[in-house]
Every structure is written in structure tokens, then in C-alpha cells.
Amino acid sequence: MNKILSLAAALVLAAGPASAHVTFETATAAVGTTYKAVLRIPHGCGGKATDSVRVRIPEGVVSVKPMPKPGWTIDKVVAPYAAEYELHGRKVAEGVTEISWSGGSLADDEYDEFVFRGTLDASMEGGKTIYFPVIQSCGQDVARWIEVPAEGQDAHELEFPAPALELTHGEHAGH
């Protein structure tokens, strides 16, 4: 009986981290505000340490700045936005569209957070959900947290869902 319980416990523990997803610490934010995004990386890939995390920034999230992380190198891709946005009284047509942290080592059995902030443009629609696709690299292995649910589909049905941010109506929306 003890062997069966021990085996069952081992299977549950082994399955736990594998089913954990990359998520945001705070999964809702108001349009027209600055959002501090805390990406939670719960484990490595197939038992290997994470050595790179890359996130794509969706349209409408502007003035993005990553937080430095000791032991990791930050790379930013700056590119034109699909639209022009107004930020603090000035027009912005380009900005950070992708951030990557690399060169560190996050063991498979450890957890860490990767932080950036950005402004959720007031033109974005409250009540919608936006997605931040993440590529997690562990040497030659890769976990692609890029799946976006189809209309009406439950995100919990996805194997590798992209981190989601639910937009709420901000008090400054439309200003």
C-alpha cells in the first residue's frame, strides 16, 4: 500500500510543474494606464534550465521598458507600430515590440519573474483580452507559449497558452 501511495505522490509531483503555464502576476489592467507586467516562469523545459525568455508586445502597448535582471542580458526590438499613438502630448510611431532576457540560468525546479512596464493606450477597447506570446528557451529545447484561444474557446483548453491580459475600462480612456 505504501508503495502505491508513494508512486501516486511521485506522479502527482512530477505532473505538477509540467502543467504550469507562463502567466502574468496581475492579469487585468485598465486602458489608458501604465501596466507593470510580471511574467511568471514556473519551470524549465523538459527538465532543463531556462536560459532565455522572449516576449512579443501586442499593438497598443507603448513606451515599454524592461526591468534589468542580474545575470541576464536584455535585448529590445524597436519597430514601427501599426498605428500612431499619443503619449504625454507627443506622437509616437515606434517603440519596443519585443523583449528578450538571455544568458542567465533558471533551473527547472526553480521559479522566477521577468518584469517590464508599458502604457496601455487609451484607444484600446476595455472588455477585450490581449496576448503576449512568450518563447522560453532551455538550451536546444523550447517552450512556445504562443497559443491564443479561438472565439468562444476556453484558454484552459490550450496546451501552451500565451499570457493573457484582460483590459478594463480606464478612468482616463478616451483622453
C-alpha atoms as a PDB file:
ATOM      1  CA  MET A   1       0.000   0.000   0.000  1.00  0.00           C
ATOM      2  CA  ASN A   2       2.828   2.405   0.881  1.00  0.00           C
ATOM      3  CA  LYS A   3       4.478   1.710  -2.486  1.00  0.00           C
ATOM      4  CA  ILE A   4       1.247   2.584  -4.300  1.00  0.00           C
ATOM      5  CA  LEU A   5       0.828   5.816  -2.324  1.00  0.00           C
ATOM      6  CA  SER A   6       4.467   6.732  -2.890  1.00  0.00           C
ATOM      7  CA  LEU A   7       4.137   6.085  -6.620  1.00  0.00           C
ATOM      8  CA  ALA A   8       0.904   8.097  -6.816  1.00  0.00           C
ATOM      9  CA  ALA A   9       2.501  11.002  -4.939  1.00  0.00           C
ATOM     10  CA  ALA A  10       5.545  10.909  -7.215  1.00  0.00           C
ATOM     11  CA  LEU A  11       3.333  11.003 -10.311  1.00  0.00           C
ATOM     12  CA  VAL A  12       1.346  13.960  -8.986  1.00  0.00           C
ATOM     13  CA  LEU A  13       4.505  15.872  -8.110  1.00  0.00           C
ATOM     14  CA  ALA A  14       6.079  15.097 -11.480  1.00  0.00           C
ATOM     15  CA  ALA A  15       2.966  16.232 -13.347  1.00  0.00           C
ATOM     16  CA  GLY A  16       2.547  19.455 -11.349  1.00  0.00           C
ATOM     17  CA  PRO A  17       5.307  21.633 -12.786  1.00  0.00           C
ATOM     18  CA  ALA A  18       4.785  20.336 -16.321  1.00  0.00           C
ATOM     19  CA  SER A  19       1.209  21.611 -16.320  1.00  0.00           C
ATOM     20  CA  ALA A  20       2.110  25.093 -15.024  1.00  0.00           C
ATOM     21  CA  HIS A  21       1.883  27.885 -17.586  1.00  0.00           C
ATOM     22  CA  VAL A  22       3.675  31.181 -18.077  1.00  0.00           C
ATOM     23  CA  THR A  23       1.288  33.812 -16.707  1.00  0.00           C
ATOM     24  CA  PHE A  24       1.119  37.395 -15.502  1.00  0.00           C
ATOM     25  CA  GLU A  25       1.050  38.099 -11.778  1.00  0.00           C
ATOM     26  CA  THR A  26      -1.746  40.626 -12.413  1.00  0.00           C
ATOM     27  CA  ALA A  27      -3.958  39.564 -15.307  1.00  0.00           C
ATOM     28  CA  THR A  28      -6.184  42.661 -15.560  1.00  0.00           C
ATOM     29  CA  ALA A  29      -5.377  46.314 -16.217  1.00  0.00           C
ATOM     30  CA  ALA A  30      -7.215  49.464 -17.253  1.00  0.00           C
ATOM     31  CA  VAL A  31      -6.722  51.015 -20.675  1.00  0.00           C
ATOM     32  CA  GLY A  32      -5.058  54.413 -20.546  1.00  0.00           C
ATOM     33  CA  THR A  33      -2.797  53.404 -17.643  1.00  0.00           C
ATOM     34  CA  THR A  34       0.737  52.169 -17.136  1.00  0.00           C
ATOM     35  CA  TYR A  35       0.879  48.421 -16.506  1.00  0.00           C
ATOM     36  CA  LYS A  36       3.663  46.649 -14.635  1.00  0.00           C
ATOM     37  CA  ALA A  37       3.854  43.223 -16.264  1.00  0.00           C
ATOM     38  CA  VAL A  38       5.345  40.488 -14.116  1.00  0.00           C
ATOM     39  CA  LEU A  39       5.822  37.352 -16.247  1.00  0.00           C
ATOM     40  CA  ARG A  40       5.983  34.277 -14.033  1.00  0.00           C
ATOM     41  CA  ILE A  41       8.175  31.450 -15.360  1.00  0.00           C
ATOM     42  CA  PRO A  42       7.257  28.396 -13.240  1.00  0.00           C
ATOM     43  CA  HIS A  43       9.761  25.829 -14.552  1.00  0.00           C
ATOM     44  CA  GLY A  44      12.258  24.970 -17.273  1.00  0.00           C
ATOM     45  CA  CYS A  45      11.692  22.869 -20.401  1.00  0.00           C
ATOM     46  CA  GLY A  46      11.669  19.095 -20.106  1.00  0.00           C
ATOM     47  CA  GLY A  47      13.911  19.081 -17.049  1.00  0.00           C
ATOM     48  CA  LYS A  48      16.387  21.626 -18.474  1.00  0.00           C
ATOM     49  CA  ALA A  49      17.209  25.091 -17.152  1.00  0.00           C
ATOM     50  CA  THR A  50      15.720  28.166 -18.823  1.00  0.00           C
ATOM     51  CA  ASP A  51      18.403  30.320 -20.440  1.00  0.00           C
ATOM     52  CA  SER A  52      16.254  32.729 -22.465  1.00  0.00           C
ATOM     53  CA  VAL A  53      12.801  34.306 -22.233  1.00  0.00           C
ATOM     54  CA  ARG A  54      11.394  36.350 -25.118  1.00  0.00           C
ATOM     55  CA  VAL A  55       8.067  38.194 -25.122  1.00  0.00           C
ATOM     56  CA  ARG A  56       6.283  39.866 -28.045  1.00  0.00           C
ATOM     57  CA  ILE A  57       4.464  43.073 -27.145  1.00  0.00           C
ATOM     58  CA  PRO A  58       0.990  43.433 -28.697  1.00  0.00           C
ATOM     59  CA  GLU A  59      -0.131  46.501 -30.625  1.00  0.00           C
ATOM     60  CA  GLY A  60      -1.397  49.307 -28.402  1.00  0.00           C
ATOM     61  CA  VAL A  61       1.080  48.642 -25.593  1.00  0.00           C
ATOM     62  CA  VAL A  62       3.541  51.528 -25.909  1.00  0.00           C
ATOM     63  CA  SER A  63       6.526  53.036 -24.115  1.00  0.00           C
ATOM     64  CA  VAL A  64       7.643  49.571 -22.998  1.00  0.00           C
ATOM     65  CA  LYS A  65      10.657  49.322 -20.682  1.00  0.00           C
ATOM     66  CA  PRO A  66      12.087  46.069 -19.306  1.00  0.00           C
ATOM     67  CA  MET A  67      13.440  45.809 -15.772  1.00  0.00           C
ATOM     68  CA  PRO A  68      17.106  44.782 -15.596  1.00  0.00           C
ATOM     69  CA  LYS A  69      17.673  41.336 -14.122  1.00  0.00           C
ATOM     70  CA  PRO A  70      21.033  40.497 -12.525  1.00  0.00           C
ATOM     71  CA  GLY A  71      22.862  37.804 -14.502  1.00  0.00           C
ATOM     72  CA  TRP A  72      20.691  38.265 -17.597  1.00  0.00           C
ATOM     73  CA  THR A  73      21.232  40.366 -20.737  1.00  0.00           C
ATOM     74  CA  ILE A  74      18.290  42.361 -22.096  1.00  0.00           C
ATOM     75  CA  ASP A  75      17.718  42.832 -25.826  1.00  0.00           C
ATOM     76  CA  LYS A  76      14.925  45.021 -27.189  1.00  0.00           C
ATOM     77  CA  VAL A  77      13.492  45.057 -30.691  1.00  0.00           C
ATOM     78  CA  VAL A  78      12.327  48.540 -31.662  1.00  0.00           C
ATOM     79  CA  ALA A  79       9.995  48.661 -34.650  1.00  0.00           C
ATOM     80  CA  PRO A  80       7.228  50.825 -36.118  1.00  0.00           C
ATOM     81  CA  TYR A  81       3.777  50.464 -34.574  1.00  0.00           C
ATOM     82  CA  ALA A  82       0.842  49.670 -36.874  1.00  0.00           C
ATOM     83  CA  ALA A  83      -0.741  52.943 -35.709  1.00  0.00           C
ATOM     84  CA  GLU A  84       0.477  56.214 -34.262  1.00  0.00           C
ATOM     85  CA  TYR A  85      -0.251  56.826 -30.571  1.00  0.00           C
ATOM     86  CA  GLU A  86      -0.251  59.907 -28.371  1.00  0.00           C
ATOM     87  CA  LEU A  87       1.805  59.647 -25.209  1.00  0.00           C
ATOM     88  CA  HIS A  88       2.158  62.581 -22.812  1.00  0.00           C
ATOM     89  CA  GLY A  89       1.210  65.056 -25.529  1.00  0.00           C
ATOM     90  CA  ARG A  90       3.534  63.723 -28.213  1.00  0.00           C
ATOM     91  CA  LYS A  91       3.013  61.329 -31.100  1.00  0.00           C
ATOM     92  CA  VAL A  92       4.846  58.004 -31.043  1.00  0.00           C
ATOM     93  CA  ALA A  93       5.065  55.813 -34.134  1.00  0.00           C
ATOM     94  CA  GLU A  94       7.598  53.228 -32.993  1.00  0.00           C
ATOM     95  CA  GLY A  95       8.756  51.523 -29.853  1.00  0.00           C
ATOM     96  CA  VAL A  96       9.733  48.264 -28.199  1.00  0.00           C
ATOM     97  CA  THR A  97       7.819  45.385 -29.794  1.00  0.00           C
ATOM     98  CA  GLU A  98       9.828  42.519 -28.310  1.00  0.00           C
ATOM     99  CA  ILE A  99      11.989  41.970 -25.226  1.00  0.00           C
ATOM    100  CA  SER A 100      14.349  39.101 -24.525  1.00  0.00           C
ATOM    101  CA  TRP A 101      16.300  38.188 -21.426  1.00  0.00           C
ATOM    102  CA  SER A 102      19.191  35.794 -22.062  1.00  0.00           C
ATOM    103  CA  GLY A 103      22.412  34.494 -20.598  1.00  0.00           C
ATOM    104  CA  GLY A 104      21.030  33.545 -17.224  1.00  0.00           C
ATOM    105  CA  SER A 105      20.130  30.139 -15.878  1.00  0.00           C
ATOM    106  CA  LEU A 106      16.843  29.310 -14.191  1.00  0.00           C
ATOM    107  CA  ALA A 107      16.873  25.680 -13.026  1.00  0.00           C
ATOM    108  CA  ASP A 108      13.903  23.517 -13.992  1.00  0.00           C
ATOM    109  CA  ASP A 109      12.899  23.180 -10.335  1.00  0.00           C
ATOM    110  CA  GLU A 110      13.037  26.945  -9.686  1.00  0.00           C
ATOM    111  CA  TYR A 111      10.673  29.835 -10.341  1.00  0.00           C
ATOM    112  CA  ASP A 112      11.414  33.402 -11.396  1.00  0.00           C
ATOM    113  CA  GLU A 113       9.797  36.564 -12.695  1.00  0.00           C
ATOM    114  CA  PHE A 114      10.659  38.764 -15.667  1.00  0.00           C
ATOM    115  CA  VAL A 115       9.334  42.315 -15.411  1.00  0.00           C
ATOM    116  CA  PHE A 116       8.549  45.124 -17.832  1.00  0.00           C
ATOM    117  CA  ARG A 117       6.166  48.039 -17.925  1.00  0.00           C
ATOM    118  CA  GLY A 118       4.216  49.701 -20.669  1.00  0.00           C
ATOM    119  CA  THR A 119       1.333  52.063 -21.293  1.00  0.00           C
ATOM    120  CA  LEU A 120      -1.966  50.544 -22.391  1.00  0.00           C
ATOM    121  CA  ASP A 121      -3.081  53.125 -24.930  1.00  0.00           C
ATOM    122  CA  ALA A 122      -6.445  54.739 -24.206  1.00  0.00           C
ATOM    123  CA  SER A 123      -7.631  53.774 -27.710  1.00  0.00           C
ATOM    124  CA  MET A 124      -7.618  50.098 -26.712  1.00  0.00           C
ATOM    125  CA  GLU A 125     -11.002  48.509 -26.034  1.00  0.00           C
ATOM    126  CA  GLY A 126     -11.928  47.685 -22.449  1.00  0.00           C
ATOM    127  CA  GLY A 127     -13.511  44.257 -22.053  1.00  0.00           C
ATOM    128  CA  LYS A 128     -11.076  42.685 -24.515  1.00  0.00           C
ATOM    129  CA  THR A 129      -8.146  40.384 -23.788  1.00  0.00           C
ATOM    130  CA  ILE A 130      -4.723  40.879 -25.336  1.00  0.00           C
ATOM    131  CA  TYR A 131      -1.987  38.257 -25.524  1.00  0.00           C
ATOM    132  CA  PHE A 132       1.781  38.410 -25.063  1.00  0.00           C
ATOM    133  CA  PRO A 133       3.371  35.402 -26.820  1.00  0.00           C
ATOM    134  CA  VAL A 134       6.424  34.081 -24.952  1.00  0.00           C
ATOM    135  CA  ILE A 135       9.243  31.834 -26.160  1.00  0.00           C
ATOM    136  CA  GLN A 136      11.084  30.088 -23.333  1.00  0.00           C
ATOM    137  CA  SER A 137      14.400  28.517 -24.361  1.00  0.00           C
ATOM    138  CA  CYS A 138      16.247  25.836 -22.410  1.00  0.00           C
ATOM    139  CA  GLY A 139      19.356  25.054 -24.442  1.00  0.00           C
ATOM    140  CA  GLN A 140      18.087  23.213 -27.534  1.00  0.00           C
ATOM    141  CA  ASP A 141      14.584  22.764 -26.062  1.00  0.00           C
ATOM    142  CA  VAL A 142      11.926  25.433 -26.489  1.00  0.00           C
ATOM    143  CA  ALA A 143       8.515  26.010 -24.920  1.00  0.00           C
ATOM    144  CA  ARG A 144       6.354  28.204 -27.165  1.00  0.00           C
ATOM    145  CA  TRP A 145       3.711  29.896 -25.009  1.00  0.00           C
ATOM    146  CA  ILE A 146       2.025  31.372 -28.083  1.00  0.00           C
ATOM    147  CA  GLU A 147      -1.421  29.792 -28.342  1.00  0.00           C
ATOM    148  CA  VAL A 148      -4.362  32.202 -28.417  1.00  0.00           C
ATOM    149  CA  PRO A 149      -7.887  30.856 -27.907  1.00  0.00           C
ATOM    150  CA  ALA A 150     -10.285  30.984 -30.831  1.00  0.00           C
ATOM    151  CA  GLU A 151     -13.507  32.953 -30.418  1.00  0.00           C
ATOM    152  CA  GLY A 152     -15.546  31.197 -27.717  1.00  0.00           C
ATOM    153  CA  GLN A 153     -12.738  28.775 -26.782  1.00  0.00           C
ATOM    154  CA  ASP A 154     -11.658  28.432 -23.154  1.00  0.00           C
ATOM    155  CA  ALA A 155      -7.962  29.326 -22.786  1.00  0.00           C
ATOM    156  CA  HIS A 156      -7.621  26.490 -20.250  1.00  0.00           C
ATOM    157  CA  GLU A 157      -8.071  24.040 -23.150  1.00  0.00           C
ATOM    158  CA  LEU A 158      -4.774  25.171 -24.694  1.00  0.00           C
ATOM    159  CA  GLU A 159      -1.550  23.299 -24.027  1.00  0.00           C
ATOM    160  CA  PHE A 160       0.774  26.317 -24.368  1.00  0.00           C
ATOM    161  CA  PRO A 161      -1.376  29.458 -23.929  1.00  0.00           C
ATOM    162  CA  ALA A 162       0.163  32.898 -24.374  1.00  0.00           C
ATOM    163  CA  PRO A 163      -0.002  35.014 -21.211  1.00  0.00           C
ATOM    164  CA  ALA A 164      -3.242  36.997 -21.278  1.00  0.00           C
ATOM    165  CA  LEU A 165      -4.124  40.471 -20.040  1.00  0.00           C
ATOM    166  CA  GLU A 166      -7.782  41.397 -19.667  1.00  0.00           C
ATOM    167  CA  LEU A 167      -8.343  45.073 -20.428  1.00  0.00           C
ATOM    168  CA  THR A 168     -10.804  47.017 -18.298  1.00  0.00           C
ATOM    169  CA  HIS A 169     -12.304  50.438 -18.940  1.00  0.00           C
ATOM    170  CA  GLY A 170      -9.912  53.029 -17.559  1.00  0.00           C
ATOM    171  CA  GLU A 171     -10.944  56.306 -15.992  1.00  0.00           C
ATOM    172  CA  HIS A 172      -8.677  58.112 -18.486  1.00  0.00           C
ATOM    173  CA  ALA A 173      -9.895  56.200 -21.554  1.00  0.00           C
ATOM    174  CA  GLY A 174     -10.595  58.491 -24.464  1.00  0.00           C
ATOM    175  CA  HIS A 175      -8.428  61.376 -23.147  1.00  0.00           C
END
